[in-house]
Each structure stands twice: as structure tokens, then as C-alpha cells.
């Protein structure tokens, strides 16, 4: 069996490779197919060494590609390749990577008769809104990233519909966090510890999220431990999703942040400051209008569909933060 991981040098891919190494058979092969390699700029900070038993191949999904390997009847593609940080890229970059990449990956699958694909999409196709969003909710993306991810989903579904034995799982994860993330949750931890994080106008903002180790466990359950012909879209998040206050309290209780107080700042005042500071470099510390807006708007995503499967979560919210803290030698969350 071949495990073909497009975007395997990224945050989720690095954890997925670790999980696959633990379960792969003697004849199984793992391929990390990415435009960057471990240790290079643009990949997970702190991950500098390649894993033994993994073949690393530099590959740009934006362009048609081929690969020298021996196909088997049970190969699996994990398409994790994406441009995703928002804000952080020009609009066209999201479309070039996420749409062209999807087209080229499914063309590769067709050429070699690969029947199973997992595609990591996003909750961004739902659009930003307070209303609860489930898998059957009409997508209304309002960012180039969300639009590009929705189009990429449709491209994968088109591939799946061509043959009755094709299997496609589209995962829409909430905020994914864990060691190597260096994103929202890492900034949250540093902000609380440094006394510069504050609630942006409210404490009840819902932030759907999932621990990266939980996500890769679910991917394993879905793609390796089971068979699901046809396609399915599944939100991957805690059910019910937590509020930002609940996330902060769990993080404080699980790390070295006990006793830290988090103030509240008027939302309109904060947005006004962000509009002034943002163009001057506020993005580096999170004081950017786009990031402030993200803080103030819920990502209210339903995890009911996932909770109704046979899959059982391995971590509670607090346990996930404790595990991450231990992974970092109890020195912080990074």
C-alpha cells in the first residue's frame, strides 16, 4: 500500500506521517509530496529532520505532475496541500494552489487508478456567521480562501462520481491546534501569558476546534480502518463547539496559566485601533482588522454528524491542552 500525502510537510501532514509510521506494514510506503521539505522556510517551525521510512519528494501541485512509484490496488491519497493563512496571501494564491492543486491531484488519481482520497477542506466554505452550520447547510463563503476550498471540494466530488468504487471523504476541520501549529491557539496562549490577550467585546464567541492528534486519528479511522464507497462531507470539531471563554479557561487550567485574568475590551474600540495599527504592522501581533473580526465572529460549526459515527474522541478539550503542554516539555504551547 502507498500512502500519498500531498502537503505532507505542513502542520497536519507532519502529525499524519507520525501516525502512519506507527501503523504501516512492512511493504507499505509513505510519500511526503510537498513544495517544501522539513527544515525549510514555510513548513512547521521546529521540524527540521526527515522521518526514516518516508520518501520525501519536492512537488508543486499547482502544475501537472507525475511520480515514479509502483501503484497497488489499495493506495490512499491524502490531499492536504493548500494555501490557507488568512490574512497572509494575495487572493489569486488561494485559487492557484487550492483549485489547480485539486485538479492535478484528481488527475493523478485517475491516471493510476487510485480509488480512495481524503481531502482536508475547511469550515471557511460556510462563511462567517453566528448561525449553526451543519454539513447540509448551504455554503456561502465570503473569502477567497473559502471560495477556493468549496470549488476544490466540487472537483474532488466530480472525481468520486466517475466510478462507483471511488471513496472520498471531505473533512471540514474547525481550528486545528497542537504542537507545531504556531497559529490561533499558540497566539492565544502567548497573549494570555503575556497579559496582552483580551476578550474582543464578548466572551461567548463560539470557536469550533479540534486537536491535531484527534484529527489524524479520525483520518486513520475513516480511510484505513473502514471503507465508505461514495463521498461524504464531515465536520471535524468538538460537539458542542466551545466558546472562547471555555477554551481560555481550559487552556489556563491545563498549562502554566492558572490564575491569569483576561480583561474585556469594547469591540468597536478594538476594531478602530486595528484599522490604524494594522497597516503599520499590526498583523504580527494580531492587531489587524481581519484578525480582530475573526475574534468577534463565531465559527458555530456542528459536530453532530461526527459524534453519531462509531468514532470515539480520544481527548477532551482540557486533556488535549494537557497533552500539547507535555509535548512541549511543559515550557509552553508552540
C-alpha atoms as a PDB file:
ATOM      1  CA  UNK A   1       0.000   0.000   0.000  1.00  0.00           C
ATOM      2  CA  UNK A   2       1.132   3.534  -0.777  1.00  0.00           C
ATOM      3  CA  UNK A   3       0.171   6.472   1.422  1.00  0.00           C
ATOM      4  CA  UNK A   4       0.486   9.535  -0.826  1.00  0.00           C
ATOM      5  CA  UNK A   5       0.373  12.724   1.230  1.00  0.00           C
ATOM      6  CA  UNK A   6       0.161  15.943  -0.750  1.00  0.00           C
ATOM      7  CA  UNK A   7       1.214  18.775   1.544  1.00  0.00           C
ATOM      8  CA  UNK A   8       2.785  16.323   3.980  1.00  0.00           C
ATOM      9  CA  UNK A   9       5.395  18.787   5.259  1.00  0.00           C
ATOM     10  CA  UNK A  10       2.747  21.009   6.825  1.00  0.00           C
ATOM     11  CA  UNK A  11       1.279  21.016  10.321  1.00  0.00           C
ATOM     12  CA  UNK A  12      -1.402  18.346   9.831  1.00  0.00           C
ATOM     13  CA  UNK A  13       0.748  16.341   7.423  1.00  0.00           C
ATOM     14  CA  UNK A  14       3.609  16.115   9.905  1.00  0.00           C
ATOM     15  CA  UNK A  15       1.291  14.614  12.534  1.00  0.00           C
ATOM     16  CA  UNK A  16      -0.365  12.324   9.974  1.00  0.00           C
ATOM     17  CA  UNK A  17       3.014  10.938   8.899  1.00  0.00           C
ATOM     18  CA  UNK A  18       3.821  10.189  12.543  1.00  0.00           C
ATOM     19  CA  UNK A  19       0.533   8.288  12.901  1.00  0.00           C
ATOM     20  CA  UNK A  20       1.011   6.360   9.648  1.00  0.00           C
ATOM     21  CA  UNK A  21       4.531   5.345  10.647  1.00  0.00           C
ATOM     22  CA  UNK A  22       3.064   3.673  13.730  1.00  0.00           C
ATOM     23  CA  UNK A  23       0.663   1.508  11.715  1.00  0.00           C
ATOM     24  CA  UNK A  24       2.273   0.918   8.327  1.00  0.00           C
ATOM     25  CA  UNK A  25       3.083  -2.617   7.253  1.00  0.00           C
ATOM     26  CA  UNK A  26       6.466  -3.856   6.101  1.00  0.00           C
ATOM     27  CA  UNK A  27       5.643  -3.299   2.435  1.00  0.00           C
ATOM     28  CA  UNK A  28       3.738  -0.043   2.884  1.00  0.00           C
ATOM     29  CA  UNK A  29       5.314   3.181   1.646  1.00  0.00           C
ATOM     30  CA  UNK A  30       4.719   6.743   2.799  1.00  0.00           C
ATOM     31  CA  UNK A  31       5.307   9.628   0.401  1.00  0.00           C
ATOM     32  CA  UNK A  32       5.525  13.249   1.512  1.00  0.00           C
ATOM     33  CA  UNK A  33       4.799  15.243  -1.656  1.00  0.00           C
ATOM     34  CA  UNK A  34       5.267  18.933  -0.982  1.00  0.00           C
ATOM     35  CA  UNK A  35       6.734  22.092  -2.450  1.00  0.00           C
ATOM     36  CA  UNK A  36       8.848  22.460   0.699  1.00  0.00           C
ATOM     37  CA  UNK A  37      10.772  19.944   2.766  1.00  0.00           C
ATOM     38  CA  UNK A  38      11.213  19.664   6.556  1.00  0.00           C
ATOM     39  CA  UNK A  39      13.553  22.325   7.891  1.00  0.00           C
ATOM     40  CA  UNK A  40      12.885  24.796   5.095  1.00  0.00           C
ATOM     41  CA  UNK A  41      11.143  28.140   5.421  1.00  0.00           C
ATOM     42  CA  UNK A  42       7.380  27.823   5.171  1.00  0.00           C
ATOM     43  CA  UNK A  43       6.949  24.488   6.938  1.00  0.00           C
ATOM     44  CA  UNK A  44       6.254  23.592  10.554  1.00  0.00           C
ATOM     45  CA  UNK A  45       8.739  25.525  12.746  1.00  0.00           C
ATOM     46  CA  UNK A  46      10.955  23.228  14.786  1.00  0.00           C
ATOM     47  CA  UNK A  47      10.519  20.242  12.459  1.00  0.00           C
ATOM     48  CA  UNK A  48      13.919  20.056  10.794  1.00  0.00           C
ATOM     49  CA  UNK A  49      14.553  16.351  10.294  1.00  0.00           C
ATOM     50  CA  UNK A  50      13.022  13.913   7.873  1.00  0.00           C
ATOM     51  CA  UNK A  51      11.425  10.708   9.158  1.00  0.00           C
ATOM     52  CA  UNK A  52      13.099   7.400   8.431  1.00  0.00           C
ATOM     53  CA  UNK A  53      10.988   5.240   6.158  1.00  0.00           C
ATOM     54  CA  UNK A  54       9.311   8.213   4.461  1.00  0.00           C
ATOM     55  CA  UNK A  55      10.120   9.229   0.901  1.00  0.00           C
ATOM     56  CA  UNK A  56      10.233  12.996   0.508  1.00  0.00           C
ATOM     57  CA  UNK A  57       9.622  14.339  -2.988  1.00  0.00           C
ATOM     58  CA  UNK A  58       9.513  18.012  -3.883  1.00  0.00           C
ATOM     59  CA  UNK A  59       6.345  18.582  -5.882  1.00  0.00           C
ATOM     60  CA  UNK A  60       4.218  21.596  -6.817  1.00  0.00           C
ATOM     61  CA  UNK A  61       0.521  20.675  -7.065  1.00  0.00           C
ATOM     62  CA  UNK A  62      -0.198  23.902  -8.963  1.00  0.00           C
ATOM     63  CA  UNK A  63       1.377  22.311 -12.030  1.00  0.00           C
ATOM     64  CA  UNK A  64       0.680  18.948 -13.710  1.00  0.00           C
ATOM     65  CA  UNK A  65       2.950  16.322 -12.196  1.00  0.00           C
ATOM     66  CA  UNK A  66       3.834  12.655 -12.261  1.00  0.00           C
ATOM     67  CA  UNK A  67       5.536  10.347  -9.827  1.00  0.00           C
ATOM     68  CA  UNK A  68       7.684   7.246 -10.090  1.00  0.00           C
ATOM     69  CA  UNK A  69       6.100   4.655  -7.826  1.00  0.00           C
ATOM     70  CA  UNK A  70       4.524   1.212  -8.012  1.00  0.00           C
ATOM     71  CA  UNK A  71       0.729   1.519  -7.656  1.00  0.00           C
ATOM     72  CA  UNK A  72      -1.231  -1.058  -5.676  1.00  0.00           C
ATOM     73  CA  UNK A  73      -4.958  -1.667  -5.558  1.00  0.00           C
ATOM     74  CA  UNK A  74      -5.248  -0.180  -2.076  1.00  0.00           C
ATOM     75  CA  UNK A  75      -3.355   3.110  -2.344  1.00  0.00           C
ATOM     76  CA  UNK A  76      -4.707   6.150  -0.497  1.00  0.00           C
ATOM     77  CA  UNK A  77      -4.279   9.831  -1.327  1.00  0.00           C
ATOM     78  CA  UNK A  78      -4.377  12.378   1.479  1.00  0.00           C
ATOM     79  CA  UNK A  79      -4.729  15.781  -0.146  1.00  0.00           C
ATOM     80  CA  UNK A  80      -3.659  18.298   2.495  1.00  0.00           C
ATOM     81  CA  UNK A  81      -1.966  20.753   0.119  1.00  0.00           C
ATOM     82  CA  UNK A  82      -3.345  24.258   0.484  1.00  0.00           C
ATOM     83  CA  UNK A  83      -2.678  27.934   0.881  1.00  0.00           C
ATOM     84  CA  UNK A  84      -4.709  28.724   3.960  1.00  0.00           C
ATOM     85  CA  UNK A  85      -3.459  31.513   6.235  1.00  0.00           C
ATOM     86  CA  UNK A  86      -5.950  34.405   6.301  1.00  0.00           C
ATOM     87  CA  UNK A  87      -4.872  37.179   6.069  1.00  0.00           C
ATOM     88  CA  UNK A  88      -1.486  36.384   4.591  1.00  0.00           C
ATOM     89  CA  UNK A  89      -1.740  35.818   0.834  1.00  0.00           C
ATOM     90  CA  UNK A  90      -2.864  37.541  -2.314  1.00  0.00           C
ATOM     91  CA  UNK A  91      -6.318  36.463  -3.491  1.00  0.00           C
ATOM     92  CA  UNK A  92      -5.010  34.672  -6.588  1.00  0.00           C
ATOM     93  CA  UNK A  93      -2.690  32.485  -4.489  1.00  0.00           C
ATOM     94  CA  UNK A  94      -5.618  30.731  -2.814  1.00  0.00           C
ATOM     95  CA  UNK A  95      -7.163  29.874  -6.191  1.00  0.00           C
ATOM     96  CA  UNK A  96      -3.902  28.799  -7.837  1.00  0.00           C
ATOM     97  CA  UNK A  97      -2.986  26.318  -5.132  1.00  0.00           C
ATOM     98  CA  UNK A  98      -6.354  25.142  -3.864  1.00  0.00           C
ATOM     99  CA  UNK A  99      -8.175  24.826  -7.194  1.00  0.00           C
ATOM    100  CA  UNK A 100      -5.347  23.928  -9.573  1.00  0.00           C
ATOM    101  CA  UNK A 101      -3.982  21.624  -6.907  1.00  0.00           C
ATOM    102  CA  UNK A 102      -7.295  19.764  -6.640  1.00  0.00           C
ATOM    103  CA  UNK A 103      -7.482  19.380 -10.408  1.00  0.00           C
ATOM    104  CA  UNK A 104      -3.965  17.977 -10.641  1.00  0.00           C
ATOM    105  CA  UNK A 105      -4.347  15.615  -7.675  1.00  0.00           C
ATOM    106  CA  UNK A 106      -7.535  14.005  -9.022  1.00  0.00           C
ATOM    107  CA  UNK A 107      -5.951  13.750 -12.490  1.00  0.00           C
ATOM    108  CA  UNK A 108      -3.085  11.853 -10.854  1.00  0.00           C
ATOM    109  CA  UNK A 109      -5.573   9.573  -9.066  1.00  0.00           C
ATOM    110  CA  UNK A 110      -7.346   8.838 -12.351  1.00  0.00           C
ATOM    111  CA  UNK A 111      -4.107   8.049 -14.158  1.00  0.00           C
ATOM    112  CA  UNK A 112      -3.049   5.435 -11.601  1.00  0.00           C
ATOM    113  CA  UNK A 113      -6.479   4.065 -10.719  1.00  0.00           C
ATOM    114  CA  UNK A 114      -6.342   5.210  -7.095  1.00  0.00           C
ATOM    115  CA  UNK A 115      -9.769   4.737  -5.523  1.00  0.00           C
ATOM    116  CA  UNK A 116      -9.507   6.433  -2.115  1.00  0.00           C
ATOM    117  CA  UNK A 117      -8.948  10.125  -1.424  1.00  0.00           C
ATOM    118  CA  UNK A 118      -9.215  12.155   1.735  1.00  0.00           C
ATOM    119  CA  UNK A 119      -9.388  15.907   1.187  1.00  0.00           C
ATOM    120  CA  UNK A 120      -8.929  18.330   4.057  1.00  0.00           C
ATOM    121  CA  UNK A 121     -11.201  21.233   3.286  1.00  0.00           C
ATOM    122  CA  UNK A 122     -12.155  23.868   5.851  1.00  0.00           C
ATOM    123  CA  UNK A 123     -15.088  25.421   7.643  1.00  0.00           C
ATOM    124  CA  UNK A 124     -14.411  28.551   5.560  1.00  0.00           C
ATOM    125  CA  UNK A 125     -16.917  27.499   2.828  1.00  0.00           C
ATOM    126  CA  UNK A 126     -19.707  28.067   5.374  1.00  0.00           C
ATOM    127  CA  UNK A 127     -18.836  31.751   5.622  1.00  0.00           C
ATOM    128  CA  UNK A 128     -18.609  33.820   8.791  1.00  0.00           C
ATOM    129  CA  UNK A 129     -21.911  33.966  10.666  1.00  0.00           C
ATOM    130  CA  UNK A 130     -23.390  33.317  14.090  1.00  0.00           C
ATOM    131  CA  UNK A 131     -25.871  30.674  12.912  1.00  0.00           C
ATOM    132  CA  UNK A 132     -25.120  26.997  13.492  1.00  0.00           C
ATOM    133  CA  UNK A 133     -23.655  25.362  10.378  1.00  0.00           C
ATOM    134  CA  UNK A 134     -24.003  21.651   9.573  1.00  0.00           C
ATOM    135  CA  UNK A 135     -22.780  19.645   6.607  1.00  0.00           C
ATOM    136  CA  UNK A 136     -26.059  20.152   4.736  1.00  0.00           C
ATOM    137  CA  UNK A 137     -26.053  23.936   5.256  1.00  0.00           C
ATOM    138  CA  UNK A 138     -25.821  25.884   2.001  1.00  0.00           C
ATOM    139  CA  UNK A 139     -22.211  27.130   1.758  1.00  0.00           C
ATOM    140  CA  UNK A 140     -21.860  30.909   1.497  1.00  0.00           C
ATOM    141  CA  UNK A 141     -18.108  31.555   1.512  1.00  0.00           C
ATOM    142  CA  UNK A 142     -17.126  35.197   1.816  1.00  0.00           C
ATOM    143  CA  UNK A 143     -13.332  34.992   1.447  1.00  0.00           C
ATOM    144  CA  UNK A 144     -11.078  33.904  -1.437  1.00  0.00           C
ATOM    145  CA  UNK A 145      -9.859  31.051   0.756  1.00  0.00           C
ATOM    146  CA  UNK A 146     -13.377  29.805   1.488  1.00  0.00           C
ATOM    147  CA  UNK A 147     -14.414  30.094  -2.165  1.00  0.00           C
ATOM    148  CA  UNK A 148     -11.324  28.226  -3.352  1.00  0.00           C
ATOM    149  CA  UNK A 149     -11.890  25.430  -0.850  1.00  0.00           C
ATOM    150  CA  UNK A 150     -15.520  25.000  -1.900  1.00  0.00           C
ATOM    151  CA  UNK A 151     -14.515  24.766  -5.566  1.00  0.00           C
ATOM    152  CA  UNK A 152     -11.823  22.230  -4.634  1.00  0.00           C
ATOM    153  CA  UNK A 153     -14.463  20.133  -2.863  1.00  0.00           C
ATOM    154  CA  UNK A 154     -16.568  20.091  -6.035  1.00  0.00           C
ATOM    155  CA  UNK A 155     -13.552  18.990  -8.089  1.00  0.00           C
ATOM    156  CA  UNK A 156     -12.954  16.037  -5.755  1.00  0.00           C
ATOM    157  CA  UNK A 157     -16.655  15.134  -5.799  1.00  0.00           C
ATOM    158  CA  UNK A 158     -16.558  15.148  -9.608  1.00  0.00           C
ATOM    159  CA  UNK A 159     -13.739  12.605  -9.470  1.00  0.00           C
ATOM    160  CA  UNK A 160     -15.646  10.437  -6.996  1.00  0.00           C
ATOM    161  CA  UNK A 161     -18.813  10.409  -9.096  1.00  0.00           C
ATOM    162  CA  UNK A 162     -16.997   8.948 -12.114  1.00  0.00           C
ATOM    163  CA  UNK A 163     -16.731   5.446 -10.643  1.00  0.00           C
ATOM    164  CA  UNK A 164     -18.944   3.571  -8.192  1.00  0.00           C
ATOM    165  CA  UNK A 165     -15.960   2.187  -6.279  1.00  0.00           C
ATOM    166  CA  UNK A 166     -14.346   5.563  -5.621  1.00  0.00           C
ATOM    167  CA  UNK A 167     -14.191   6.633  -1.975  1.00  0.00           C
ATOM    168  CA  UNK A 168     -13.914  10.266  -0.976  1.00  0.00           C
ATOM    169  CA  UNK A 169     -14.009  11.825   2.454  1.00  0.00           C
ATOM    170  CA  UNK A 170     -14.027  15.610   2.685  1.00  0.00           C
ATOM    171  CA  UNK A 171     -13.119  16.757   6.175  1.00  0.00           C
ATOM    172  CA  UNK A 172     -14.011  20.264   7.291  1.00  0.00           C
ATOM    173  CA  UNK A 173     -11.978  20.782  10.466  1.00  0.00           C
ATOM    174  CA  UNK A 174     -12.531  23.594  12.908  1.00  0.00           C
ATOM    175  CA  UNK A 175      -9.476  25.416  14.260  1.00  0.00           C
ATOM    176  CA  UNK A 176      -6.780  22.730  14.306  1.00  0.00           C
ATOM    177  CA  UNK A 177      -4.296  23.074  17.144  1.00  0.00           C
ATOM    178  CA  UNK A 178      -1.377  21.190  18.661  1.00  0.00           C
ATOM    179  CA  UNK A 179       2.407  21.106  18.623  1.00  0.00           C
ATOM    180  CA  UNK A 180       3.788  22.953  15.612  1.00  0.00           C
ATOM    181  CA  UNK A 181       0.596  24.911  14.961  1.00  0.00           C
ATOM    182  CA  UNK A 182       2.016  28.417  15.514  1.00  0.00           C
ATOM    183  CA  UNK A 183      -1.401  29.860  14.746  1.00  0.00           C
ATOM    184  CA  UNK A 184      -4.565  30.894  16.581  1.00  0.00           C
ATOM    185  CA  UNK A 185      -4.181  28.769  19.711  1.00  0.00           C
ATOM    186  CA  UNK A 186      -0.465  29.477  20.031  1.00  0.00           C
ATOM    187  CA  UNK A 187      -1.149  33.213  19.813  1.00  0.00           C
ATOM    188  CA  UNK A 188      -3.929  32.811  22.366  1.00  0.00           C
ATOM    189  CA  UNK A 189      -1.576  31.105  24.828  1.00  0.00           C
ATOM    190  CA  UNK A 190       1.139  33.718  24.350  1.00  0.00           C
ATOM    191  CA  UNK A 191      -1.391  36.516  24.652  1.00  0.00           C
ATOM    192  CA  UNK A 192      -2.761  35.228  27.954  1.00  0.00           C
ATOM    193  CA  UNK A 193       0.713  34.584  29.323  1.00  0.00           C
ATOM    194  CA  UNK A 194       1.965  37.991  28.221  1.00  0.00           C
ATOM    195  CA  UNK A 195      -1.124  39.770  29.581  1.00  0.00           C
ATOM    196  CA  UNK A 196      -1.994  41.237  26.175  1.00  0.00           C
ATOM    197  CA  UNK A 197      -4.886  38.962  25.221  1.00  0.00           C
ATOM    198  CA  UNK A 198      -8.374  40.273  25.917  1.00  0.00           C
ATOM    199  CA  UNK A 199     -11.903  39.316  25.027  1.00  0.00           C
ATOM    200  CA  UNK A 200     -12.945  41.276  21.951  1.00  0.00           C
ATOM    201  CA  UNK A 201     -16.277  42.684  23.055  1.00  0.00           C
ATOM    202  CA  UNK A 202     -17.739  39.344  24.201  1.00  0.00           C
ATOM    203  CA  UNK A 203     -16.893  36.034  25.884  1.00  0.00           C
ATOM    204  CA  UNK A 204     -19.494  33.828  24.215  1.00  0.00           C
ATOM    205  CA  UNK A 205     -17.999  33.780  20.711  1.00  0.00           C
ATOM    206  CA  UNK A 206     -18.136  30.158  19.571  1.00  0.00           C
ATOM    207  CA  UNK A 207     -14.907  28.773  18.146  1.00  0.00           C
ATOM    208  CA  UNK A 208     -15.209  25.271  16.692  1.00  0.00           C
ATOM    209  CA  UNK A 209     -11.900  23.483  17.086  1.00  0.00           C
ATOM    210  CA  UNK A 210     -10.181  20.093  17.067  1.00  0.00           C
ATOM    211  CA  UNK A 211      -6.861  18.781  18.409  1.00  0.00           C
ATOM    212  CA  UNK A 212      -4.492  17.780  15.610  1.00  0.00           C
ATOM    213  CA  UNK A 213      -3.887  14.330  17.121  1.00  0.00           C
ATOM    214  CA  UNK A 214      -7.647  13.789  17.194  1.00  0.00           C
ATOM    215  CA  UNK A 215      -7.934  14.852  13.566  1.00  0.00           C
ATOM    216  CA  UNK A 216      -5.300  12.411  12.336  1.00  0.00           C
ATOM    217  CA  UNK A 217      -6.849   9.645  14.444  1.00  0.00           C
ATOM    218  CA  UNK A 218     -10.162  10.307  12.734  1.00  0.00           C
ATOM    219  CA  UNK A 219      -8.463  10.321   9.326  1.00  0.00           C
ATOM    220  CA  UNK A 220      -6.962   6.928  10.135  1.00  0.00           C
ATOM    221  CA  UNK A 221     -10.342   5.601  11.294  1.00  0.00           C
ATOM    222  CA  UNK A 222     -12.060   6.857   8.193  1.00  0.00           C
ATOM    223  CA  UNK A 223      -9.568   5.952   5.483  1.00  0.00           C
ATOM    224  CA  UNK A 224      -7.662   2.937   6.814  1.00  0.00           C
ATOM    225  CA  UNK A 225      -9.850   1.191   9.374  1.00  0.00           C
ATOM    226  CA  UNK A 226     -13.052   1.435   7.337  1.00  0.00           C
ATOM    227  CA  UNK A 227     -14.444   1.582   3.808  1.00  0.00           C
ATOM    228  CA  UNK A 228     -17.099   4.092   2.713  1.00  0.00           C
ATOM    229  CA  UNK A 229     -17.836   3.970  -1.043  1.00  0.00           C
ATOM    230  CA  UNK A 230     -19.088   7.236  -2.480  1.00  0.00           C
ATOM    231  CA  UNK A 231     -18.369  10.603  -0.936  1.00  0.00           C
ATOM    232  CA  UNK A 232     -19.142  12.213   2.377  1.00  0.00           C
ATOM    233  CA  UNK A 233     -18.505  15.592   3.979  1.00  0.00           C
ATOM    234  CA  UNK A 234     -17.820  15.627   7.713  1.00  0.00           C
ATOM    235  CA  UNK A 235     -17.152  18.496  10.090  1.00  0.00           C
ATOM    236  CA  UNK A 236     -14.361  17.597  12.478  1.00  0.00           C
ATOM    237  CA  UNK A 237     -14.838  19.501  15.718  1.00  0.00           C
ATOM    238  CA  UNK A 238     -15.837  19.050  19.328  1.00  0.00           C
ATOM    239  CA  UNK A 239     -19.570  18.698  19.837  1.00  0.00           C
ATOM    240  CA  UNK A 240     -20.876  21.032  21.029  1.00  0.00           C
ATOM    241  CA  UNK A 241     -18.351  23.625  19.927  1.00  0.00           C
ATOM    242  CA  UNK A 242     -16.794  25.632  22.751  1.00  0.00           C
ATOM    243  CA  UNK A 243     -16.958  29.351  23.446  1.00  0.00           C
ATOM    244  CA  UNK A 244     -13.767  31.388  23.560  1.00  0.00           C
ATOM    245  CA  UNK A 245     -14.180  31.716  27.333  1.00  0.00           C
ATOM    246  CA  UNK A 246     -14.404  27.931  27.742  1.00  0.00           C
ATOM    247  CA  UNK A 247     -11.319  27.497  25.560  1.00  0.00           C
ATOM    248  CA  UNK A 248      -9.377  30.065  27.570  1.00  0.00           C
ATOM    249  CA  UNK A 249     -10.374  28.518  30.904  1.00  0.00           C
ATOM    250  CA  UNK A 250      -9.428  25.009  29.716  1.00  0.00           C
ATOM    251  CA  UNK A 251      -6.087  26.269  28.440  1.00  0.00           C
ATOM    252  CA  UNK A 252      -5.382  28.067  31.714  1.00  0.00           C
ATOM    253  CA  UNK A 253      -6.296  25.010  33.791  1.00  0.00           C
ATOM    254  CA  UNK A 254      -4.130  22.678  31.689  1.00  0.00           C
ATOM    255  CA  UNK A 255      -0.921  24.718  31.463  1.00  0.00           C
ATOM    256  CA  UNK A 256       1.060  27.245  33.471  1.00  0.00           C
ATOM    257  CA  UNK A 257      -1.558  29.964  33.107  1.00  0.00           C
ATOM    258  CA  UNK A 258      -3.578  29.311  36.261  1.00  0.00           C
ATOM    259  CA  UNK A 259      -4.793  32.496  37.864  1.00  0.00           C
ATOM    260  CA  UNK A 260      -4.313  34.687  34.804  1.00  0.00           C
ATOM    261  CA  UNK A 261      -7.035  37.280  34.344  1.00  0.00           C
ATOM    262  CA  UNK A 262      -8.380  38.154  30.910  1.00  0.00           C
ATOM    263  CA  UNK A 263      -9.911  41.621  30.509  1.00  0.00           C
ATOM    264  CA  UNK A 264     -12.674  42.616  28.121  1.00  0.00           C
ATOM    265  CA  UNK A 265     -12.243  45.458  25.604  1.00  0.00           C
ATOM    266  CA  UNK A 266     -15.033  47.186  23.741  1.00  0.00           C
ATOM    267  CA  UNK A 267     -15.298  45.637  20.278  1.00  0.00           C
ATOM    268  CA  UNK A 268     -15.815  48.903  18.381  1.00  0.00           C
ATOM    269  CA  UNK A 269     -12.825  50.482  20.122  1.00  0.00           C
ATOM    270  CA  UNK A 270     -10.665  47.458  19.296  1.00  0.00           C
ATOM    271  CA  UNK A 271     -11.648  47.491  15.629  1.00  0.00           C
ATOM    272  CA  UNK A 272     -10.865  51.194  15.441  1.00  0.00           C
ATOM    273  CA  UNK A 273      -7.378  50.604  16.840  1.00  0.00           C
ATOM    274  CA  UNK A 274      -6.831  47.696  14.451  1.00  0.00           C
ATOM    275  CA  UNK A 275      -7.703  49.848  11.437  1.00  0.00           C
ATOM    276  CA  UNK A 276      -4.988  52.289  12.482  1.00  0.00           C
ATOM    277  CA  UNK A 277      -2.339  49.826  13.673  1.00  0.00           C
ATOM    278  CA  UNK A 278      -2.956  47.085  11.095  1.00  0.00           C
ATOM    279  CA  UNK A 279      -1.367  48.875   8.106  1.00  0.00           C
ATOM    280  CA  UNK A 280       1.648  49.702  10.305  1.00  0.00           C
ATOM    281  CA  UNK A 281       2.471  46.075  11.016  1.00  0.00           C
ATOM    282  CA  UNK A 282      -0.232  45.076  13.462  1.00  0.00           C
ATOM    283  CA  UNK A 283      -0.626  41.714  11.744  1.00  0.00           C
ATOM    284  CA  UNK A 284       2.498  40.483  13.550  1.00  0.00           C
ATOM    285  CA  UNK A 285       0.802  40.801  16.956  1.00  0.00           C
ATOM    286  CA  UNK A 286      -2.723  40.043  15.818  1.00  0.00           C
ATOM    287  CA  UNK A 287      -3.926  43.683  15.769  1.00  0.00           C
ATOM    288  CA  UNK A 288      -5.190  43.552  12.220  1.00  0.00           C
ATOM    289  CA  UNK A 289      -8.798  44.265  11.164  1.00  0.00           C
ATOM    290  CA  UNK A 290      -9.233  40.837   9.565  1.00  0.00           C
ATOM    291  CA  UNK A 291      -7.973  39.029  12.671  1.00  0.00           C
ATOM    292  CA  UNK A 292      -9.980  41.207  15.039  1.00  0.00           C
ATOM    293  CA  UNK A 293     -13.096  40.478  13.003  1.00  0.00           C
ATOM    294  CA  UNK A 294     -12.360  36.761  13.246  1.00  0.00           C
ATOM    295  CA  UNK A 295     -12.141  37.105  17.030  1.00  0.00           C
ATOM    296  CA  UNK A 296     -15.531  38.769  17.223  1.00  0.00           C
ATOM    297  CA  UNK A 297     -17.493  36.446  14.915  1.00  0.00           C
ATOM    298  CA  UNK A 298     -18.390  32.871  15.859  1.00  0.00           C
ATOM    299  CA  UNK A 299     -17.412  29.781  13.949  1.00  0.00           C
ATOM    300  CA  UNK A 300     -20.506  27.925  15.093  1.00  0.00           C
ATOM    301  CA  UNK A 301     -20.000  24.522  13.470  1.00  0.00           C
ATOM    302  CA  UNK A 302     -21.970  21.394  14.306  1.00  0.00           C
ATOM    303  CA  UNK A 303     -20.088  18.212  15.131  1.00  0.00           C
ATOM    304  CA  UNK A 304     -23.261  16.116  15.493  1.00  0.00           C
ATOM    305  CA  UNK A 305     -22.649  14.067  12.356  1.00  0.00           C
ATOM    306  CA  UNK A 306     -19.205  13.018  13.561  1.00  0.00           C
ATOM    307  CA  UNK A 307     -20.472  12.303  17.071  1.00  0.00           C
ATOM    308  CA  UNK A 308     -23.103   9.958  15.597  1.00  0.00           C
ATOM    309  CA  UNK A 309     -20.472   7.743  13.932  1.00  0.00           C
ATOM    310  CA  UNK A 310     -18.670   4.873  15.652  1.00  0.00           C
ATOM    311  CA  UNK A 311     -15.610   7.068  16.099  1.00  0.00           C
ATOM    312  CA  UNK A 312     -14.887   7.960  19.725  1.00  0.00           C
ATOM    313  CA  UNK A 313     -12.841  11.006  20.688  1.00  0.00           C
ATOM    314  CA  UNK A 314      -9.575  10.298  22.495  1.00  0.00           C
ATOM    315  CA  UNK A 315      -9.249  13.714  24.170  1.00  0.00           C
ATOM    316  CA  UNK A 316     -11.464  16.196  25.952  1.00  0.00           C
ATOM    317  CA  UNK A 317     -10.651  19.868  25.398  1.00  0.00           C
ATOM    318  CA  UNK A 318      -8.713  20.094  28.652  1.00  0.00           C
ATOM    319  CA  UNK A 319      -6.905  16.790  28.022  1.00  0.00           C
ATOM    320  CA  UNK A 320      -5.833  17.989  24.588  1.00  0.00           C
ATOM    321  CA  UNK A 321      -4.214  21.102  26.058  1.00  0.00           C
ATOM    322  CA  UNK A 322      -2.503  18.997  28.740  1.00  0.00           C
ATOM    323  CA  UNK A 323      -1.148  16.637  26.094  1.00  0.00           C
ATOM    324  CA  UNK A 324       0.090  19.521  23.950  1.00  0.00           C
ATOM    325  CA  UNK A 325       1.728  21.116  27.001  1.00  0.00           C
ATOM    326  CA  UNK A 326       3.521  17.835  27.774  1.00  0.00           C
ATOM    327  CA  UNK A 327       4.658  17.550  24.137  1.00  0.00           C
ATOM    328  CA  UNK A 328       6.316  20.934  24.581  1.00  0.00           C
ATOM    329  CA  UNK A 329       8.170  19.845  27.707  1.00  0.00           C
ATOM    330  CA  UNK A 330       5.781  21.860  29.861  1.00  0.00           C
ATOM    331  CA  UNK A 331       7.551  25.005  28.635  1.00  0.00           C
ATOM    332  CA  UNK A 332       4.516  26.480  26.843  1.00  0.00           C
ATOM    333  CA  UNK A 333       2.359  25.817  23.804  1.00  0.00           C
ATOM    334  CA  UNK A 334       4.102  26.082  20.467  1.00  0.00           C
END
